[in-house]
Structures are given as C-alpha cells and as structure tokens.
C-alpha atoms as a PDB file:
ATOM      1  CA  MET A   1       0.000   0.000   0.000  1.00  0.00           C
ATOM      2  CA  ARG A   2       2.786   2.410   0.927  1.00  0.00           C
ATOM      3  CA  VAL A   3       4.537   1.772  -2.382  1.00  0.00           C
ATOM      4  CA  ARG A   4       1.394   2.738  -4.288  1.00  0.00           C
ATOM      5  CA  GLU A   5       1.086   5.943  -2.287  1.00  0.00           C
ATOM      6  CA  ASN A   6       4.705   6.816  -3.080  1.00  0.00           C
ATOM      7  CA  VAL A   7       4.159   6.129  -6.772  1.00  0.00           C
ATOM      8  CA  LEU A   8       1.010   8.254  -6.690  1.00  0.00           C
ATOM      9  CA  LYS A   9       2.898  11.110  -5.013  1.00  0.00           C
ATOM     10  CA  ALA A  10       5.696  10.870  -7.558  1.00  0.00           C
ATOM     11  CA  LYS A  11       3.256  10.975 -10.464  1.00  0.00           C
ATOM     12  CA  HIS A  12       1.451  13.922  -8.870  1.00  0.00           C
ATOM     13  CA  PHE A  13       4.778  15.744  -8.564  1.00  0.00           C
ATOM     14  CA  GLN A  14       5.532  15.047 -12.236  1.00  0.00           C
ATOM     15  CA  LEU A  15       2.069  16.305 -13.168  1.00  0.00           C
ATOM     16  CA  GLU A  16       2.549  19.535 -11.235  1.00  0.00           C
ATOM     17  CA  ALA A  17       5.997  20.046 -12.792  1.00  0.00           C
ATOM     18  CA  ALA A  18       4.511  19.634 -16.269  1.00  0.00           C
ATOM     19  CA  ARG A  19       1.773  22.145 -15.416  1.00  0.00           C
ATOM     20  CA  ARG A  20       4.345  24.641 -14.152  1.00  0.00           C
ATOM     21  CA  ARG A  21       6.439  24.259 -17.305  1.00  0.00           C
ATOM     22  CA  ALA A  22       3.426  24.786 -19.569  1.00  0.00           C
ATOM     23  CA  ALA A  23       2.433  27.866 -17.574  1.00  0.00           C
ATOM     24  CA  GLN A  24       5.987  29.239 -17.764  1.00  0.00           C
ATOM     25  CA  VAL A  25       6.059  28.911 -21.548  1.00  0.00           C
ATOM     26  CA  GLU A  26       2.672  30.624 -21.825  1.00  0.00           C
ATOM     27  CA  THR A  27       3.886  33.436 -19.561  1.00  0.00           C
ATOM     28  CA  MET A  28       7.045  33.904 -21.626  1.00  0.00           C
ATOM     29  CA  VAL A  29       5.059  34.061 -24.860  1.00  0.00           C
ATOM     30  CA  ALA A  30       2.666  36.624 -23.379  1.00  0.00           C
ATOM     31  CA  GLU A  31       5.545  38.746 -22.074  1.00  0.00           C
ATOM     32  CA  LEU A  32       7.381  38.684 -25.399  1.00  0.00           C
ATOM     33  CA  ASP A  33       4.170  39.604 -27.239  1.00  0.00           C
ATOM     34  CA  ARG A  34       3.654  42.511 -24.842  1.00  0.00           C
ATOM     35  CA  MET A  35       7.219  43.723 -25.391  1.00  0.00           C
ATOM     36  CA  ALA A  36       6.831  43.483 -29.167  1.00  0.00           C
ATOM     37  CA  ALA A  37       3.607  45.530 -29.001  1.00  0.00           C
ATOM     38  CA  GLU A  38       5.413  48.218 -26.979  1.00  0.00           C
ATOM     39  CA  LEU A  39       8.202  48.293 -29.557  1.00  0.00           C
ATOM     40  CA  ASP A  40       5.634  48.677 -32.329  1.00  0.00           C
ATOM     41  CA  GLN A  41       4.211  51.720 -30.543  1.00  0.00           C
ATOM     42  CA  GLN A  42       7.674  53.196 -30.087  1.00  0.00           C
ATOM     43  CA  ILE A  43       8.496  52.637 -33.753  1.00  0.00           C
ATOM     44  CA  VAL A  44       5.303  54.363 -34.878  1.00  0.00           C
ATOM     45  CA  HIS A  45       5.982  57.261 -32.508  1.00  0.00           C
ATOM     46  CA  GLU A  46       9.559  57.674 -33.726  1.00  0.00           C
ATOM     47  CA  GLU A  47       8.535  57.484 -37.387  1.00  0.00           C
ATOM     48  CA  ARG A  48       5.873  60.149 -36.831  1.00  0.00           C
ATOM     49  CA  ARG A  49       8.354  62.345 -35.008  1.00  0.00           C
ATOM     50  CA  ALA A  50      10.888  62.041 -37.830  1.00  0.00           C
ATOM     51  CA  GLY A  51       8.303  62.090 -40.612  1.00  0.00           C
ATOM     52  CA  ILE A  52      10.001  59.134 -42.302  1.00  0.00           C
ATOM     53  CA  THR A  53       8.376  55.710 -42.426  1.00  0.00           C
ATOM     54  CA  ASP A  54      10.619  54.012 -44.996  1.00  0.00           C
ATOM     55  CA  PRO A  55      13.284  51.934 -43.202  1.00  0.00           C
ATOM     56  CA  THR A  56      15.514  52.047 -46.301  1.00  0.00           C
ATOM     57  CA  HIS A  57      15.573  55.868 -46.303  1.00  0.00           C
ATOM     58  CA  PHE A  58      19.014  57.250 -45.408  1.00  0.00           C
ATOM     59  CA  ALA A  59      17.551  59.508 -42.699  1.00  0.00           C
ATOM     60  CA  TYR A  60      15.372  56.857 -41.067  1.00  0.00           C
ATOM     61  CA  PRO A  61      15.733  57.174 -37.283  1.00  0.00           C
ATOM     62  CA  THR A  62      18.384  54.938 -35.772  1.00  0.00           C
ATOM     63  CA  PHE A  63      16.195  54.233 -32.733  1.00  0.00           C
ATOM     64  CA  ALA A  64      13.341  53.042 -34.963  1.00  0.00           C
ATOM     65  CA  ARG A  65      15.734  50.821 -36.919  1.00  0.00           C
ATOM     66  CA  ALA A  66      17.085  49.267 -33.707  1.00  0.00           C
ATOM     67  CA  ALA A  67      13.565  48.853 -32.313  1.00  0.00           C
ATOM     68  CA  ARG A  68      12.485  47.088 -35.506  1.00  0.00           C
ATOM     69  CA  GLN A  69      15.404  44.675 -35.200  1.00  0.00           C
ATOM     70  CA  ARG A  70      14.614  43.978 -31.571  1.00  0.00           C
ATOM     71  CA  ARG A  71      10.920  43.428 -32.393  1.00  0.00           C
ATOM     72  CA  ASP A  72      11.890  41.002 -35.154  1.00  0.00           C
ATOM     73  CA  ASN A  73      14.148  39.122 -32.709  1.00  0.00           C
ATOM     74  CA  LEU A  74      11.272  38.894 -30.237  1.00  0.00           C
ATOM     75  CA  ALA A  75       9.006  37.523 -32.958  1.00  0.00           C
ATOM     76  CA  ALA A  76      11.611  34.854 -33.749  1.00  0.00           C
ATOM     77  CA  SER A  77      11.765  33.945 -30.062  1.00  0.00           C
ATOM     78  CA  VAL A  78       7.978  33.595 -29.948  1.00  0.00           C
ATOM     79  CA  ARG A  79       8.111  31.250 -32.939  1.00  0.00           C
ATOM     80  CA  ASP A  80      10.756  29.161 -31.161  1.00  0.00           C
ATOM     81  CA  LEU A  81       8.630  29.080 -28.023  1.00  0.00           C
ATOM     82  CA  ALA A  82       5.736  27.692 -30.059  1.00  0.00           C
ATOM     83  CA  LEU A  83       7.678  24.429 -30.367  1.00  0.00           C
ATOM     84  CA  GLN A  84       8.359  24.433 -26.625  1.00  0.00           C
ATOM     85  CA  ARG A  85       4.667  25.121 -26.024  1.00  0.00           C
ATOM     86  CA  GLU A  86       3.733  22.035 -28.060  1.00  0.00           C
ATOM     87  CA  ARG A  87       6.252  19.904 -26.168  1.00  0.00           C
ATOM     88  CA  ALA A  88       5.031  21.221 -22.813  1.00  0.00           C
ATOM     89  CA  ALA A  89       1.413  20.521 -23.757  1.00  0.00           C
ATOM     90  CA  SER A  90       2.322  16.992 -24.851  1.00  0.00           C
ATOM     91  CA  ALA A  91       4.285  16.369 -21.643  1.00  0.00           C
ATOM     92  CA  LEU A  92       1.357  17.676 -19.611  1.00  0.00           C
ATOM     93  CA  ALA A  93      -1.089  15.389 -21.402  1.00  0.00           C
ATOM     94  CA  ASP A  94       1.223  12.407 -20.830  1.00  0.00           C
ATOM     95  CA  ALA A  95       1.647  13.272 -17.147  1.00  0.00           C
ATOM     96  CA  GLU A  96      -2.113  13.630 -16.700  1.00  0.00           C
ATOM     97  CA  ALA A  97      -2.712  10.240 -18.330  1.00  0.00           C
ATOM     98  CA  GLU A  98      -0.049   8.547 -16.194  1.00  0.00           C
ATOM     99  CA  TYR A  99      -1.407  10.121 -13.021  1.00  0.00           C
ATOM    100  CA  ALA A 100      -4.960   9.055 -13.873  1.00  0.00           C
ATOM    101  CA  ALA A 101      -3.795   5.498 -14.535  1.00  0.00           C
ATOM    102  CA  VAL A 102      -1.911   5.265 -11.241  1.00  0.00           C
ATOM    103  CA  LEU A 103      -4.805   6.845  -9.368  1.00  0.00           C
ATOM    104  CA  ALA A 104      -7.227   4.326 -10.887  1.00  0.00           C
ATOM    105  CA  ARG A 105      -4.972   1.433  -9.865  1.00  0.00           C
ATOM    106  CA  VAL A 106      -4.711   2.746  -6.308  1.00  0.00           C
ATOM    107  CA  GLU A 107      -8.458   3.230  -6.075  1.00  0.00           C
ATOM    108  CA  ARG A 108      -9.103  -0.276  -7.413  1.00  0.00           C
ATOM    109  CA  SER A 109      -6.732  -1.777  -4.882  1.00  0.00           C
ATOM    110  CA  GLU A 110      -8.378   0.157  -2.041  1.00  0.00           C
ATOM    111  CA  GLU A 111     -11.797  -1.137  -3.075  1.00  0.00           C
ATOM    112  CA  ARG A 112     -10.603  -4.727  -2.619  1.00  0.00           C
ATOM    113  CA  PRO A 113      -8.649  -4.698   0.649  1.00  0.00           C
ATOM    114  CA  GLY A 114      -9.085  -8.436   1.234  1.00  0.00           C
ATOM    115  CA  ASP A 115      -7.846  -9.434  -2.178  1.00  0.00           C
ATOM    116  CA  GLU A 116      -4.187  -8.871  -1.340  1.00  0.00           C
ATOM    117  CA  SER A 117      -4.305 -11.066   1.762  1.00  0.00           C
ATOM    118  CA  GLN A 118      -6.220 -13.754  -0.137  1.00  0.00           C
ATOM    119  CA  LEU A 119      -3.637 -13.657  -2.910  1.00  0.00           C
ATOM    120  CA  ALA A 120      -0.820 -14.023  -0.387  1.00  0.00           C
ATOM    121  CA  GLY A 121      -2.683 -16.933   1.219  1.00  0.00           C
ATOM    122  CA  ARG A 122      -3.054 -18.663  -2.138  1.00  0.00           C
ATOM    123  CA  ARG A 123       0.638 -18.246  -2.884  1.00  0.00           C
ATOM    124  CA  LEU A 124       1.511 -19.683   0.502  1.00  0.00           C
ATOM    125  CA  ALA A 125      -0.832 -22.643  -0.067  1.00  0.00           C
ATOM    126  CA  ARG A 126       0.754 -23.331  -3.486  1.00  0.00           C
ATOM    127  CA  ALA A 127       4.219 -23.187  -1.985  1.00  0.00           C
ATOM    128  CA  ARG A 128       3.354 -26.056   0.434  1.00  0.00           C
END
C-alpha cells in the first residue's frame, strides 16, 4: 500500500511540474508579445516624429531601426517558443494520463482490501 502511495505522489509531482512548465512557456510568450507591441508603438511614434516611415531611407531614425530589429528578434523567439509550447502541452497530457492510470490502480486496490491477503494466502498454499 505504501509503495502505491509513493508512486502516486511521484506521479502527482511530475504532473505539477509539467503544469508549471506549460504555464511558464505561456507566460514567456505573453511577455514577449507585450514587449513586441510596446516596440511597435515606439516605432510608430519615432517614425511620426521624424516624418520618415521608410526603413531604407538614409535619414530613417536609428532608434526606430534598432527597435524594428529587436521586435523582429522577439518575434523569432515567440516562434521558437511555439515548439516548446507544443512539447510542454504533450508532456502535460502524458503526465495527466499517467497520473490518472496510477490513481485508478490505487483506487481499485483500495476497493478490494481483502484481495491482497487472499492472494498471499493462495501463494503460501501453493508453496506447500
């Protein structure tokens, strides 16, 4: 019985770790999206201030050019995190399935408390 409880606790810990990882990835994606939106606003503001919206123009503001590059880097990071998001979701689904399976086994064994002693008695009788 104690072994089952330990296995159940271990699976619960794995489940919670998978949930935390999935939440972390989601938080990172949201934060990067927020930062990219702020950069977009800064770019628009700088372009309006300078009166130049063409990034290839020789007088295009340096700050706007750097902000565009940073925004593009953030977008690439978000795309990379999409793969991590898929992996985290898959790991979470696997952990939930494993936890449910272990929980079902524990519950089944608790429903039949006499079965284990009867099984041990049968083994002992066969051994004689």
